[in-house]
Amino acid sequence: MTDRFTVKILIVGEIRTNCYLMQNQETGAALIVDPGDEAEKIAQIIEKDGGTPEAILLTHGHHDHVMAVGDLRKRWPSCKVYIGSEEKGMLSQPLGMFPGTPSDYMGEPDEWVDDGEVLSLIGTSFSVLRTPGHTKGSVCYWNEEEGILFSGDTLFRGSCGRTDFPGGSMEEMRESLKRLKDTIPDEVYVLPGHMNTSVMENEKRFNPYMAPV
């Protein structure tokens, strides 16, 4: 990480999802990744730091990653929401212990992103990597300048996301993990949707799910 940006981790909701706040220290422009719950908590920290949210990046559409989106949009109407284009079905699908659908909490996204897109946000760039497996439309966001990968529920420290939910596939998950292994440099910090952070070198060496397909 350079001095231009800060990244904070907030653990939110009953499933303890990692929500990330990335802020440009020169402009105050902020980015929210996977605001899964506790919108007021997220908003208070952003405001305390003098930030203004420019965008919300969603790695996938499960409830525990999107439940605070609607309330945050009400607070900052100009903040745009980005999610993988193949998550359209997921957003209308009821899931687990939560009532309703993800769309009930977040509304329609502003941008459906596709593999290979480069998003220019908060004064830096994020490459979109399609990584199905946990869901059909899961994506990771790679910020090469700062050396960070928001990996959602694709890559965890020493593990990977579940593949037994609707739209999940272990075969696709292994292919996605192989792609990350072949694409992301060793020194990149891995910022996952749950549990502890890591670095890519350790995942390539020790994560059993990143073995060759």
Foldseek 3Di string as FASTA:
>chain_A
DDPQKDKDWDQDDPVRWTWIWMAGPVPQEIEIEQPQDDLVVVVVVSVVSVHDYQEYEYQAQDNRRQQNQQVVCVVPVNYFYEFAPVRPVQQQDDDDPDPGGSCVRHPDGPYHDYAQDWDCGNNFIWGWHQQAALANRGIWTAGVVVQEIEREQLDDQLEGHDQPDPRHDLVSSLVSLLVCLVPRDQQHKYRYGDDDIDTNVNCCVRRPSNPHD
